[in-house]
């Protein structure tokens, strides 16, 4: 192909005379490349957005009330196009806050696990005490 026939990185085929073109009906006519490209790009964006949401695992909804200063910061992230929405900006900031306090949350996890274990022991003790009382009452009544 001649270098003069390359336009913007694509080969350029000059239009053929009408007599050399194969007959086409309306269903076989190609859509303009820009329209086809736009539709394809839109599909890619939709797929990307869906995958991004799925990978982020943001299926849970939390309602949050924020003050004006916090809202302003969320809006800054959206305006800078770092986030697509206030919701995404809030999720980002919450995630970053958790990451930056990882040691604190680790310690909180240890203590809450201990508390859960103690609650379980307490429930077991109360249930066994109640069962013993029930058995002793039944023995008294049966005697």
N, C-alpha and C. Protein backbone atom coordinates (compact mmCIF):
# COMPACT_ATOMS: atom_id res chain seq x y z
N UNK A 1 0.85 -1.17 0.00
CA UNK A 1 0.00 0.00 0.00
C UNK A 1 0.90 1.24 0.00
N UNK A 2 0.49 2.24 -0.74
CA UNK A 2 1.25 3.49 -0.82
C UNK A 2 1.18 4.24 0.50
N UNK A 3 2.31 4.85 0.93
CA UNK A 3 2.26 5.67 2.15
C UNK A 3 1.30 6.83 2.03
N UNK A 4 1.07 7.35 0.81
CA UNK A 4 0.14 8.47 0.66
C UNK A 4 -1.30 8.04 0.95
N UNK A 5 -1.56 6.75 0.88
CA UNK A 5 -2.92 6.26 1.09
C UNK A 5 -3.18 5.87 2.54
N UNK A 6 -2.28 6.17 3.46
CA UNK A 6 -2.49 5.90 4.87
C UNK A 6 -2.87 7.21 5.56
N UNK A 7 -4.03 7.18 6.20
CA UNK A 7 -4.54 8.36 6.88
C UNK A 7 -4.76 7.99 8.35
N UNK A 8 -4.12 8.74 9.25
CA UNK A 8 -4.25 8.54 10.69
C UNK A 8 -4.07 7.08 11.07
N UNK A 9 -3.06 6.43 10.54
CA UNK A 9 -2.72 5.08 10.94
C UNK A 9 -3.60 4.01 10.34
N UNK A 10 -4.54 4.37 9.46
CA UNK A 10 -5.41 3.38 8.85
C UNK A 10 -5.26 3.45 7.34
N UNK A 11 -5.42 2.31 6.72
CA UNK A 11 -5.32 2.28 5.26
C UNK A 11 -6.51 3.03 4.67
N UNK A 12 -6.27 3.73 3.61
CA UNK A 12 -7.33 4.48 2.94
C UNK A 12 -7.59 3.83 1.60
N UNK A 13 -8.81 3.38 1.41
CA UNK A 13 -9.21 2.84 0.13
C UNK A 13 -10.09 3.88 -0.54
N UNK A 14 -9.67 4.38 -1.68
CA UNK A 14 -10.49 5.39 -2.36
C UNK A 14 -11.83 4.80 -2.76
N UNK A 15 -12.85 5.64 -2.84
CA UNK A 15 -14.17 5.13 -3.24
C UNK A 15 -14.13 4.49 -4.62
N UNK A 16 -14.89 3.40 -4.74
CA UNK A 16 -14.95 2.70 -6.02
C UNK A 16 -16.05 3.32 -6.87
N UNK A 17 -15.88 3.26 -8.17
CA UNK A 17 -16.98 3.72 -9.03
C UNK A 17 -18.22 2.87 -8.78
N UNK A 18 -19.39 3.46 -9.01
CA UNK A 18 -20.65 2.79 -8.75
C UNK A 18 -20.76 1.44 -9.46
N UNK A 19 -20.21 1.31 -10.65
CA UNK A 19 -20.37 0.05 -11.38
C UNK A 19 -19.54 -1.07 -10.77
N UNK A 20 -18.49 -0.77 -10.01
CA UNK A 20 -17.65 -1.80 -9.41
C UNK A 20 -18.13 -2.24 -8.02
N UNK A 21 -19.05 -1.49 -7.43
CA UNK A 21 -19.53 -1.84 -6.10
C UNK A 21 -20.53 -2.98 -6.18
N UNK A 22 -20.42 -3.93 -5.21
CA UNK A 22 -21.42 -5.01 -5.21
C UNK A 22 -22.76 -4.47 -4.74
N UNK A 23 -23.84 -5.03 -5.20
CA UNK A 23 -25.17 -4.55 -4.78
C UNK A 23 -25.39 -4.88 -3.31
N UNK A 24 -25.96 -3.93 -2.60
CA UNK A 24 -26.28 -4.14 -1.18
C UNK A 24 -27.70 -3.68 -0.92
N UNK A 25 -28.32 -4.32 0.07
CA UNK A 25 -29.62 -3.82 0.51
C UNK A 25 -29.40 -3.12 1.85
N UNK A 26 -30.44 -2.56 2.42
CA UNK A 26 -30.32 -1.76 3.64
C UNK A 26 -29.79 -2.59 4.81
N UNK A 27 -30.10 -3.88 4.88
CA UNK A 27 -29.69 -4.69 6.03
C UNK A 27 -28.20 -5.00 6.01
N UNK A 28 -27.56 -4.95 4.85
CA UNK A 28 -26.13 -5.29 4.78
C UNK A 28 -25.24 -4.06 4.80
N UNK A 29 -25.83 -2.86 4.79
CA UNK A 29 -25.00 -1.64 4.82
C UNK A 29 -24.31 -1.52 6.16
N UNK A 30 -23.04 -1.21 6.14
CA UNK A 30 -22.27 -1.03 7.38
C UNK A 30 -22.62 0.30 8.02
N UNK A 31 -22.61 0.31 9.32
CA UNK A 31 -22.84 1.55 10.04
C UNK A 31 -21.57 2.38 9.94
N UNK A 32 -21.69 3.67 10.03
CA UNK A 32 -20.49 4.51 10.01
C UNK A 32 -19.54 4.07 11.12
N UNK A 33 -18.23 4.07 10.85
CA UNK A 33 -17.28 3.60 11.86
C UNK A 33 -17.39 4.32 13.19
N UNK A 34 -17.68 5.61 13.17
CA UNK A 34 -17.77 6.34 14.44
C UNK A 34 -18.95 5.85 15.28
N UNK A 35 -20.07 5.54 14.64
CA UNK A 35 -21.24 5.05 15.37
C UNK A 35 -20.96 3.66 15.94
N UNK A 36 -20.37 2.80 15.15
CA UNK A 36 -20.03 1.46 15.61
C UNK A 36 -19.01 1.53 16.75
N UNK A 37 -18.01 2.38 16.59
CA UNK A 37 -17.00 2.54 17.62
C UNK A 37 -17.61 3.06 18.91
N UNK A 38 -18.50 4.05 18.81
CA UNK A 38 -19.14 4.61 20.01
C UNK A 38 -19.95 3.55 20.75
N UNK A 39 -20.70 2.72 20.01
CA UNK A 39 -21.49 1.67 20.65
C UNK A 39 -20.57 0.65 21.32
N UNK A 40 -19.51 0.27 20.63
CA UNK A 40 -18.56 -0.69 21.19
C UNK A 40 -17.89 -0.11 22.43
N UNK A 41 -17.50 1.15 22.36
CA UNK A 41 -16.84 1.79 23.50
C UNK A 41 -17.79 1.87 24.70
N UNK A 42 -19.06 2.15 24.44
CA UNK A 42 -20.05 2.23 25.51
C UNK A 42 -20.20 0.87 26.19
N UNK A 43 -20.19 -0.20 25.38
CA UNK A 43 -20.28 -1.54 25.95
C UNK A 43 -19.06 -1.86 26.80
N UNK A 44 -17.88 -1.47 26.32
CA UNK A 44 -16.65 -1.70 27.08
C UNK A 44 -16.72 -0.93 28.40
N UNK A 45 -17.19 0.31 28.37
CA UNK A 45 -17.32 1.09 29.60
C UNK A 45 -18.29 0.43 30.57
N UNK A 46 -19.43 -0.05 30.05
CA UNK A 46 -20.41 -0.70 30.91
C UNK A 46 -19.84 -1.96 31.55
N UNK A 47 -19.13 -2.74 30.75
CA UNK A 47 -18.51 -3.96 31.27
C UNK A 47 -17.46 -3.59 32.32
N UNK A 48 -16.64 -2.58 32.01
CA UNK A 48 -15.62 -2.14 32.95
C UNK A 48 -16.22 -1.67 34.26
N UNK A 49 -17.30 -0.92 34.17
CA UNK A 49 -17.95 -0.41 35.38
C UNK A 49 -18.52 -1.57 36.19
N UNK A 50 -19.17 -2.52 35.51
CA UNK A 50 -19.74 -3.67 36.20
C UNK A 50 -18.66 -4.48 36.88
N UNK A 51 -17.58 -4.73 36.16
CA UNK A 51 -16.46 -5.48 36.75
C UNK A 51 -15.85 -4.73 37.92
N UNK A 52 -15.67 -3.43 37.76
CA UNK A 52 -15.11 -2.63 38.84
C UNK A 52 -15.95 -2.70 40.09
N UNK A 53 -17.26 -2.60 39.93
CA UNK A 53 -18.15 -2.67 41.09
C UNK A 53 -18.10 -4.05 41.73
N UNK A 54 -18.08 -5.09 40.87
CA UNK A 54 -18.02 -6.46 41.40
C UNK A 54 -16.72 -6.71 42.13
N UNK A 55 -15.62 -6.22 41.56
CA UNK A 55 -14.32 -6.44 42.18
C UNK A 55 -14.17 -5.65 43.46
N UNK A 56 -14.81 -4.50 43.54
CA UNK A 56 -14.73 -3.70 44.75
C UNK A 56 -15.60 -4.28 45.86
N UNK A 57 -16.54 -5.13 45.49
CA UNK A 57 -17.40 -5.75 46.49
C UNK A 57 -18.22 -4.76 47.28
N UNK A 58 -18.74 -3.78 46.60
CA UNK A 58 -19.52 -2.74 47.29
C UNK A 58 -21.00 -3.03 47.18
N UNK A 59 -21.40 -4.20 47.64
CA UNK A 59 -22.80 -4.56 47.56
C UNK A 59 -23.61 -4.13 48.76
N UNK A 60 -22.95 -3.67 49.80
CA UNK A 60 -23.64 -3.26 51.02
C UNK A 60 -23.90 -1.76 51.00
N UNK A 61 -25.07 -1.40 51.50
CA UNK A 61 -25.46 0.01 51.53
C UNK A 61 -25.45 0.50 52.98
N UNK A 62 -24.82 1.63 53.20
CA UNK A 62 -24.79 2.25 54.52
C UNK A 62 -25.19 3.71 54.34
N UNK A 63 -26.18 4.14 55.08
CA UNK A 63 -26.60 5.54 55.03
C UNK A 63 -25.76 6.31 56.04
N UNK A 64 -25.19 7.41 55.60
CA UNK A 64 -24.31 8.19 56.47
C UNK A 64 -24.70 9.66 56.37
N UNK A 65 -24.74 10.32 57.52
CA UNK A 65 -24.94 11.76 57.55
C UNK A 65 -23.57 12.39 57.78
N UNK A 66 -23.24 13.38 56.98
CA UNK A 66 -21.93 14.03 57.11
C UNK A 66 -22.12 15.54 57.25
N UNK A 67 -21.10 16.19 57.80
CA UNK A 67 -21.16 17.64 57.93
C UNK A 67 -20.74 18.29 56.60
N UNK A 68 -20.85 19.60 56.54
CA UNK A 68 -20.56 20.33 55.30
C UNK A 68 -19.12 20.15 54.84
N UNK A 69 -18.19 20.16 55.80
CA UNK A 69 -16.78 20.03 55.45
C UNK A 69 -16.49 18.66 54.82
N UNK A 70 -17.06 17.61 55.39
CA UNK A 70 -16.86 16.27 54.85
C UNK A 70 -17.48 16.17 53.45
N UNK A 71 -18.67 16.73 53.30
CA UNK A 71 -19.32 16.71 51.99
C UNK A 71 -18.48 17.44 50.95
N UNK A 72 -17.87 18.53 51.36
CA UNK A 72 -17.01 19.29 50.46
C UNK A 72 -15.82 18.43 50.00
N UNK A 73 -15.27 17.66 50.90
CA UNK A 73 -14.14 16.79 50.54
C UNK A 73 -14.59 15.67 49.60
N UNK A 74 -15.76 15.11 49.85
CA UNK A 74 -16.29 14.09 48.95
C UNK A 74 -16.49 14.67 47.55
N UNK A 75 -17.05 15.87 47.50
CA UNK A 75 -17.28 16.53 46.22
C UNK A 75 -15.97 16.83 45.50
N UNK A 76 -14.92 17.14 46.26
CA UNK A 76 -13.60 17.38 45.64
C UNK A 76 -13.12 16.14 44.90
N UNK A 77 -13.29 14.98 45.51
CA UNK A 77 -12.87 13.73 44.87
C UNK A 77 -13.66 13.45 43.61
N UNK A 78 -14.94 13.80 43.64
CA UNK A 78 -15.79 13.60 42.45
C UNK A 78 -15.42 14.60 41.36
N UNK A 79 -15.24 15.85 41.73
CA UNK A 79 -14.89 16.90 40.75
C UNK A 79 -13.55 16.62 40.10
N UNK A 80 -12.61 16.06 40.87
CA UNK A 80 -11.28 15.74 40.33
C UNK A 80 -11.31 14.45 39.52
N UNK A 81 -12.51 13.83 39.42
CA UNK A 81 -12.72 12.58 38.70
C UNK A 81 -11.88 11.44 39.25
N UNK A 82 -11.59 11.51 40.55
CA UNK A 82 -10.93 10.40 41.22
C UNK A 82 -11.95 9.36 41.64
N UNK A 83 -13.20 9.82 41.80
CA UNK A 83 -14.32 8.95 42.12
C UNK A 83 -15.49 9.35 41.23
N UNK A 84 -16.37 8.37 40.97
CA UNK A 84 -17.49 8.65 40.08
C UNK A 84 -18.68 9.27 40.81
N UNK A 85 -18.73 9.08 42.13
CA UNK A 85 -19.88 9.58 42.88
C UNK A 85 -19.47 9.85 44.33
N UNK A 86 -20.36 10.52 45.04
CA UNK A 86 -20.12 10.75 46.46
C UNK A 86 -20.04 9.42 47.20
N UNK A 87 -20.89 8.49 46.81
CA UNK A 87 -20.89 7.17 47.44
C UNK A 87 -19.54 6.49 47.28
N UNK A 88 -19.01 6.52 46.06
CA UNK A 88 -17.72 5.92 45.80
C UNK A 88 -16.61 6.64 46.57
N UNK A 89 -16.71 7.95 46.66
CA UNK A 89 -15.71 8.73 47.41
C UNK A 89 -15.76 8.36 48.89
N UNK A 90 -16.96 8.23 49.44
CA UNK A 90 -17.09 7.86 50.85
C UNK A 90 -16.52 6.46 51.09
N UNK A 91 -16.82 5.53 50.18
CA UNK A 91 -16.29 4.16 50.31
C UNK A 91 -14.77 4.17 50.25
N UNK A 92 -14.21 4.99 49.36
CA UNK A 92 -12.76 5.10 49.25
C UNK A 92 -12.16 5.60 50.55
N UNK A 93 -12.72 6.67 51.10
CA UNK A 93 -12.19 7.25 52.32
C UNK A 93 -12.33 6.31 53.52
N UNK A 94 -13.44 5.61 53.59
CA UNK A 94 -13.62 4.64 54.68
C UNK A 94 -12.58 3.52 54.55
N UNK A 95 -12.41 3.01 53.34
CA UNK A 95 -11.42 1.95 53.11
C UNK A 95 -10.01 2.40 53.47
N UNK A 96 -9.67 3.62 53.06
CA UNK A 96 -8.33 4.15 53.37
C UNK A 96 -8.16 4.37 54.87
N UNK A 97 -9.21 4.79 55.54
CA UNK A 97 -9.15 4.97 56.99
C UNK A 97 -8.92 3.64 57.71
N UNK A 98 -9.57 2.60 57.24
CA UNK A 98 -9.38 1.27 57.83
C UNK A 98 -7.95 0.79 57.59
N UNK A 99 -7.44 0.98 56.36
CA UNK A 99 -6.07 0.56 56.05
C UNK A 99 -5.05 1.29 56.92
N UNK A 100 -5.25 2.59 57.10
CA UNK A 100 -4.27 3.37 57.87
C UNK A 100 -4.34 3.07 59.36
N UNK A 101 -5.40 2.43 59.83
CA UNK A 101 -5.54 2.07 61.24
C UNK A 101 -5.57 0.55 61.41
N UNK A 102 -4.87 -0.15 60.55
CA UNK A 102 -4.90 -1.61 60.52
C UNK A 102 -4.52 -2.22 61.88
N UNK A 103 -3.50 -1.69 62.53
CA UNK A 103 -3.07 -2.23 63.83
C UNK A 103 -4.16 -2.05 64.88
N UNK A 104 -4.80 -0.89 64.88
CA UNK A 104 -5.88 -0.63 65.82
C UNK A 104 -7.02 -1.63 65.62
N UNK A 105 -7.41 -1.83 64.37
CA UNK A 105 -8.50 -2.76 64.09
C UNK A 105 -8.11 -4.21 64.41
N UNK A 106 -6.84 -4.54 64.27
CA UNK A 106 -6.37 -5.87 64.67
C UNK A 106 -6.55 -6.08 66.16
N UNK A 107 -6.19 -5.08 66.94
CA UNK A 107 -6.34 -5.16 68.40
C UNK A 107 -7.82 -5.21 68.79
N UNK A 108 -8.63 -4.40 68.11
CA UNK A 108 -10.08 -4.42 68.37
C UNK A 108 -10.63 -5.82 68.08
N UNK A 109 -10.19 -6.42 66.99
CA UNK A 109 -10.64 -7.78 66.63
C UNK A 109 -10.28 -8.78 67.73
N UNK A 110 -9.06 -8.72 68.24
CA UNK A 110 -8.64 -9.64 69.31
C UNK A 110 -9.55 -9.50 70.53
N UNK A 111 -9.79 -8.27 70.94
CA UNK A 111 -10.60 -8.03 72.15
C UNK A 111 -12.04 -8.45 71.93
N UNK A 112 -12.62 -8.13 70.76
CA UNK A 112 -14.01 -8.52 70.51
C UNK A 112 -14.14 -10.04 70.41
N UNK A 113 -13.10 -10.73 69.90
CA UNK A 113 -13.12 -12.19 69.89
C UNK A 113 -13.11 -12.74 71.31
N UNK A 114 -12.32 -12.12 72.19
CA UNK A 114 -12.29 -12.53 73.60
C UNK A 114 -13.65 -12.31 74.26
N UNK A 115 -14.25 -11.17 73.97
CA UNK A 115 -15.57 -10.86 74.53
C UNK A 115 -16.59 -11.89 74.05
N UNK A 116 -16.55 -12.23 72.77
CA UNK A 116 -17.49 -13.22 72.23
C UNK A 116 -17.29 -14.57 72.92
N UNK A 117 -16.02 -14.93 73.18
CA UNK A 117 -15.74 -16.19 73.88
C UNK A 117 -16.29 -16.17 75.30
N UNK A 118 -16.13 -15.06 76.00
CA UNK A 118 -16.65 -14.94 77.36
C UNK A 118 -18.18 -14.99 77.37
N UNK A 119 -18.81 -14.36 76.40
CA UNK A 119 -20.28 -14.39 76.32
C UNK A 119 -20.76 -15.83 76.10
N UNK A 120 -20.05 -16.56 75.24
CA UNK A 120 -20.40 -17.94 74.98
C UNK A 120 -20.27 -18.78 76.25
N UNK A 121 -19.19 -18.59 77.02
CA UNK A 121 -19.00 -19.30 78.28
C UNK A 121 -20.11 -18.95 79.26
N UNK A 122 -20.48 -17.67 79.30
CA UNK A 122 -21.54 -17.23 80.19
C UNK A 122 -22.87 -17.90 79.83
N UNK A 123 -23.19 -17.93 78.54
CA UNK A 123 -24.43 -18.58 78.09
C UNK A 123 -24.43 -20.06 78.48
N UNK A 124 -23.30 -20.73 78.24
CA UNK A 124 -23.20 -22.16 78.57
C UNK A 124 -23.39 -22.37 80.07
N UNK A 125 -22.76 -21.51 80.91
CA UNK A 125 -22.87 -21.64 82.36
C UNK A 125 -24.31 -21.44 82.81
N UNK A 126 -24.98 -20.43 82.25
CA UNK A 126 -26.38 -20.15 82.62
C UNK A 126 -27.27 -21.30 82.19
N UNK A 127 -27.06 -21.82 81.00
CA UNK A 127 -27.88 -22.94 80.50
C UNK A 127 -27.67 -24.20 81.34
N UNK A 128 -26.42 -24.49 81.69
CA UNK A 128 -26.17 -25.70 82.50
C UNK A 128 -26.74 -25.52 83.91
N UNK A 129 -26.63 -24.33 84.48
CA UNK A 129 -27.21 -24.05 85.80
C UNK A 129 -28.73 -24.20 85.74
N UNK A 130 -29.33 -23.69 84.68
CA UNK A 130 -30.79 -23.80 84.53
C UNK A 130 -31.19 -25.26 84.39
N UNK A 131 -30.40 -26.03 83.64
CA UNK A 131 -30.71 -27.45 83.46
C UNK A 131 -30.58 -28.20 84.78
N UNK A 132 -29.56 -27.88 85.58
CA UNK A 132 -29.39 -28.51 86.89
C UNK A 132 -30.55 -28.19 87.81
N UNK A 133 -30.98 -26.94 87.80
CA UNK A 133 -32.12 -26.53 88.64
C UNK A 133 -33.39 -27.26 88.22
N UNK A 134 -33.59 -27.40 86.91
CA UNK A 134 -34.77 -28.09 86.42
C UNK A 134 -34.73 -29.55 86.86
N UNK A 135 -33.57 -30.20 86.75
CA UNK A 135 -33.44 -31.61 87.14
C UNK A 135 -33.70 -31.79 88.64
N UNK A 136 -33.14 -30.87 89.46
CA UNK A 136 -33.32 -31.00 90.91
C UNK A 136 -34.79 -30.77 91.29
N UNK A 137 -35.46 -29.87 90.60
CA UNK A 137 -36.89 -29.63 90.86
C UNK A 137 -37.70 -30.86 90.49
N UNK A 138 -37.37 -31.50 89.38
CA UNK A 138 -38.09 -32.70 88.94
C UNK A 138 -37.89 -33.84 89.94
N UNK A 139 -36.66 -33.96 90.48
CA UNK A 139 -36.38 -35.01 91.45
C UNK A 139 -37.18 -34.77 92.72
N UNK A 140 -37.27 -33.50 93.16
CA UNK A 140 -38.03 -33.17 94.36
C UNK A 140 -39.50 -33.49 94.20
N UNK A 141 -40.03 -33.22 93.01
CA UNK A 141 -41.44 -33.44 92.76
C UNK A 141 -41.73 -34.94 92.61
N UNK A 142 -40.77 -35.66 92.12
CA UNK A 142 -40.96 -37.11 91.90
C UNK A 142 -40.78 -37.91 93.16
N UNK A 143 -40.21 -37.34 94.17
CA UNK A 143 -39.95 -38.10 95.40
C UNK A 143 -41.09 -38.10 96.35
